[in-house]
Amino acid sequence: MSAYASESIKIPEGIEVSVEGMLVTVSGPKGKISRDFAHSRLKLSKRGGEILLESPSKGKRLNATVGTIASHIRNMFKGVTEGHVYNMRVIYAHFPITVKVAGKDVLIENFMGERSKRVAKIVGNVKVTVQGDELILEGIDKEEVGQTAANIHMATHVKKMDPRVFQDGVYLAERR
């Protein structure tokens, strides 16, 4: 099989990688992540100290898929070594918003003076800590951390009001 688009990803030191079919498992100092890439039509293999991605035929879509899956694998490498950290800020003008973590939920109280709590789900093994008006989301899986940040932001999304005037909410400030 000759590959039309291919990319090799060097495995960093201190990380163990196993490739079984289309299932890639990466383990490092912070933990272990597994991801199945069976939805793609690519060929995945591990040769020596690198992972090789190959596309079976020509096409822009397959070339893009090679780059996308390579990025996912690099994100897995970063997750098990450094971890992914998102910082979010609580912004309010009139009513002070209170944010609490209760189990697998983030509770947002007094948003826009509402009596009921708004709830955002924490996805997977993401650790959420609240320090004053700042939330810190930490985890080894970038998709889980990003989805948790999106859930928190969307819980405070204001509908049917001018977003230039009503800027209250919880917003993403920094990604590391």
Protein backbone atom coordinates (compact mmCIF):
# COMPACT_ATOMS: atom_id res chain seq x y z
CA MET A 1 0.00 0.00 0.00
CA SER A 2 1.54 3.30 -1.04
CA ALA A 3 0.48 6.24 1.05
CA TYR A 4 -0.50 9.50 -0.61
CA ALA A 5 -0.38 11.59 2.54
CA SER A 6 1.60 10.52 5.56
CA GLU A 7 2.99 11.97 8.75
CA SER A 8 5.25 10.56 11.42
CA ILE A 9 5.00 11.71 15.02
CA LYS A 10 8.02 11.29 17.27
CA ILE A 11 7.15 9.81 20.66
CA PRO A 12 8.64 11.99 23.45
CA GLU A 13 10.75 10.49 26.23
CA GLY A 14 8.89 9.24 29.31
CA ILE A 15 5.73 8.34 27.36
CA GLU A 16 4.55 4.83 26.52
CA VAL A 17 2.41 4.37 23.41
CA SER A 18 0.57 1.29 22.18
CA VAL A 19 -1.22 1.09 18.83
CA GLU A 20 -3.69 -1.78 18.45
CA GLY A 21 -5.49 -1.48 15.15
CA MET A 22 -6.91 2.05 15.29
CA LEU A 23 -6.86 2.34 19.11
CA VAL A 24 -4.03 4.54 20.41
CA THR A 25 -3.22 4.37 24.13
CA VAL A 26 -0.80 6.92 25.59
CA SER A 27 0.42 6.73 29.18
CA GLY A 28 2.75 9.11 30.98
CA PRO A 29 3.46 10.69 34.36
CA LYS A 30 -0.01 12.35 34.71
CA GLY A 31 -2.12 9.39 33.58
CA LYS A 32 -3.38 7.33 30.67
CA ILE A 33 -5.55 8.28 27.66
CA SER A 34 -7.02 5.97 25.01
CA ARG A 35 -8.59 7.11 21.79
CA ASP A 36 -10.14 5.16 18.92
CA PHE A 37 -9.59 6.53 15.41
CA ALA A 38 -11.60 3.81 13.63
CA HIS A 39 -13.85 6.45 12.03
CA SER A 40 -10.96 7.55 9.79
CA ARG A 41 -9.80 5.54 6.80
CA LEU A 42 -6.13 5.95 7.74
CA LYS A 43 -3.52 3.34 8.54
CA LEU A 44 -1.92 3.75 11.97
CA SER A 45 1.28 1.97 12.96
CA LYS A 46 4.07 2.28 15.52
CA ARG A 47 7.61 1.92 14.21
CA GLY A 48 10.47 2.34 16.64
CA GLY A 49 10.12 5.66 18.46
CA GLU A 50 7.39 7.13 16.24
CA ILE A 51 3.79 6.74 15.15
CA LEU A 52 3.18 6.63 11.39
CA LEU A 53 -0.11 7.87 9.85
CA GLU A 54 -0.81 6.99 6.21
CA SER A 55 -3.77 7.68 3.95
CA PRO A 56 -4.83 4.93 1.51
CA SER A 57 -5.76 7.23 -1.40
CA LYS A 58 -5.61 10.80 -2.69
CA GLY A 59 -7.89 13.58 -1.59
CA LYS A 60 -7.97 16.85 0.32
CA ARG A 61 -10.23 15.37 2.98
CA LEU A 62 -7.85 12.48 3.72
CA ASN A 63 -4.87 14.88 3.80
CA ALA A 64 -6.76 17.01 6.33
CA THR A 65 -7.64 13.90 8.35
CA VAL A 66 -3.94 12.96 8.59
CA GLY A 67 -3.12 16.38 10.09
CA THR A 68 -6.13 16.33 12.42
CA ILE A 69 -5.35 12.91 13.89
CA ALA A 70 -1.67 13.89 14.25
CA SER A 71 -2.80 16.93 16.28
CA HIS A 72 -5.04 14.73 18.45
CA ILE A 73 -2.10 12.42 19.20
CA ARG A 74 0.17 15.38 20.03
CA ASN A 75 -2.55 16.71 22.38
CA MET A 76 -2.59 13.29 24.06
CA PHE A 77 1.21 13.52 24.52
CA LYS A 78 0.88 16.98 26.06
CA GLY A 79 -1.97 15.84 28.30
CA VAL A 80 -0.09 12.94 29.90
CA THR A 81 3.07 15.02 30.46
CA GLU A 82 1.96 18.61 31.28
CA GLY A 83 -1.84 18.42 31.36
CA HIS A 84 -4.30 20.93 29.91
CA VAL A 85 -5.27 23.97 32.01
CA TYR A 86 -8.04 26.44 31.16
CA ASN A 87 -8.62 29.63 33.19
CA MET A 88 -12.10 31.16 33.19
CA ARG A 89 -13.23 34.49 34.68
CA VAL A 90 -16.57 35.41 36.24
CA ILE A 91 -17.74 38.80 34.94
CA TYR A 92 -20.70 40.68 36.40
CA ALA A 93 -21.94 44.28 36.47
CA HIS A 94 -24.78 44.45 39.01
CA PHE A 95 -25.47 41.11 40.70
CA PRO A 96 -22.43 39.31 42.17
CA ILE A 97 -22.30 35.80 40.72
CA THR A 98 -21.36 32.93 43.03
CA VAL A 99 -19.79 29.79 41.55
CA LYS A 100 -19.51 26.48 43.46
CA VAL A 101 -18.48 22.95 42.56
CA ALA A 102 -20.76 20.15 43.76
CA GLY A 103 -19.67 16.68 42.66
CA LYS A 104 -19.78 16.54 38.84
CA ASP A 105 -21.67 19.85 38.54
CA VAL A 106 -20.71 23.52 38.60
CA LEU A 107 -23.43 25.60 40.29
CA ILE A 108 -23.78 29.24 39.20
CA GLU A 109 -25.89 31.24 41.65
CA ASN A 110 -27.37 34.76 41.51
CA PHE A 111 -26.74 35.08 37.76
CA MET A 112 -28.51 38.26 36.61
CA GLY A 113 -30.36 38.24 39.97
CA GLU A 114 -32.08 34.90 39.26
CA ARG A 115 -33.23 32.87 42.25
CA SER A 116 -32.64 29.48 40.62
CA LYS A 117 -29.16 28.02 40.17
CA ARG A 118 -27.74 27.38 36.75
CA VAL A 119 -25.96 24.03 36.42
CA ALA A 120 -23.07 23.06 34.14
CA LYS A 121 -21.83 19.46 33.84
CA ILE A 122 -18.18 18.53 34.42
CA VAL A 123 -17.12 16.08 31.71
CA GLY A 124 -14.84 13.11 32.47
CA ASN A 125 -11.96 13.53 34.93
CA VAL A 126 -11.69 17.32 34.84
CA LYS A 127 -10.80 19.02 38.12
CA VAL A 128 -12.51 22.41 38.62
CA THR A 129 -11.30 24.76 41.35
CA VAL A 130 -12.84 28.13 42.20
CA GLN A 131 -10.58 30.95 43.45
CA GLY A 132 -12.64 34.10 43.92
CA ASP A 133 -13.80 35.28 40.48
CA GLU A 134 -11.59 32.77 38.66
CA LEU A 135 -12.17 29.11 37.72
CA ILE A 136 -9.29 26.77 36.93
CA LEU A 137 -10.08 23.66 34.89
CA GLU A 138 -7.39 20.95 34.78
CA GLY A 139 -7.27 17.58 33.07
CA ILE A 140 -5.26 15.31 30.80
CA ASP A 141 -7.83 15.05 27.98
CA LYS A 142 -8.09 18.30 26.01
CA GLU A 143 -11.57 17.47 24.68
CA GLU A 144 -12.96 16.92 28.18
CA VAL A 145 -11.43 20.15 29.54
CA GLY A 146 -12.68 22.15 26.54
CA GLN A 147 -16.18 20.67 26.73
CA THR A 148 -16.41 21.45 30.45
CA ALA A 149 -15.37 25.06 29.75
CA ALA A 150 -18.00 25.28 27.01
CA ASN A 151 -20.68 23.85 29.34
CA ILE A 152 -19.86 26.47 32.00
CA HIS A 153 -19.86 29.30 29.44
CA MET A 154 -23.14 28.18 27.85
CA ALA A 155 -24.84 27.90 31.25
CA THR A 156 -24.41 31.68 31.57
CA HIS A 157 -25.21 32.49 27.95
CA VAL A 158 -27.65 35.41 27.76
CA LYS A 159 -30.45 35.08 25.22
CA LYS A 160 -32.76 37.78 23.84
CA MET A 161 -30.65 40.62 25.26
CA ASP A 162 -28.00 42.80 23.68
CA PRO A 163 -24.64 41.05 24.38
CA ARG A 164 -22.85 44.41 24.20
CA VAL A 165 -24.84 45.68 27.20
CA PHE A 166 -25.41 42.50 29.23
CA GLN A 167 -21.90 41.08 29.47
CA ASP A 168 -22.43 39.09 32.67
CA GLY A 169 -21.21 35.50 32.50
CA VAL A 170 -18.26 33.13 32.82
CA TYR A 171 -15.72 33.52 30.02
CA LEU A 172 -12.58 31.68 28.95
CA ALA A 173 -9.54 33.83 29.78
CA GLU A 174 -6.53 31.62 29.08
CA ARG A 175 -5.56 28.16 27.78
CA ARG A 176 -2.30 26.47 28.77
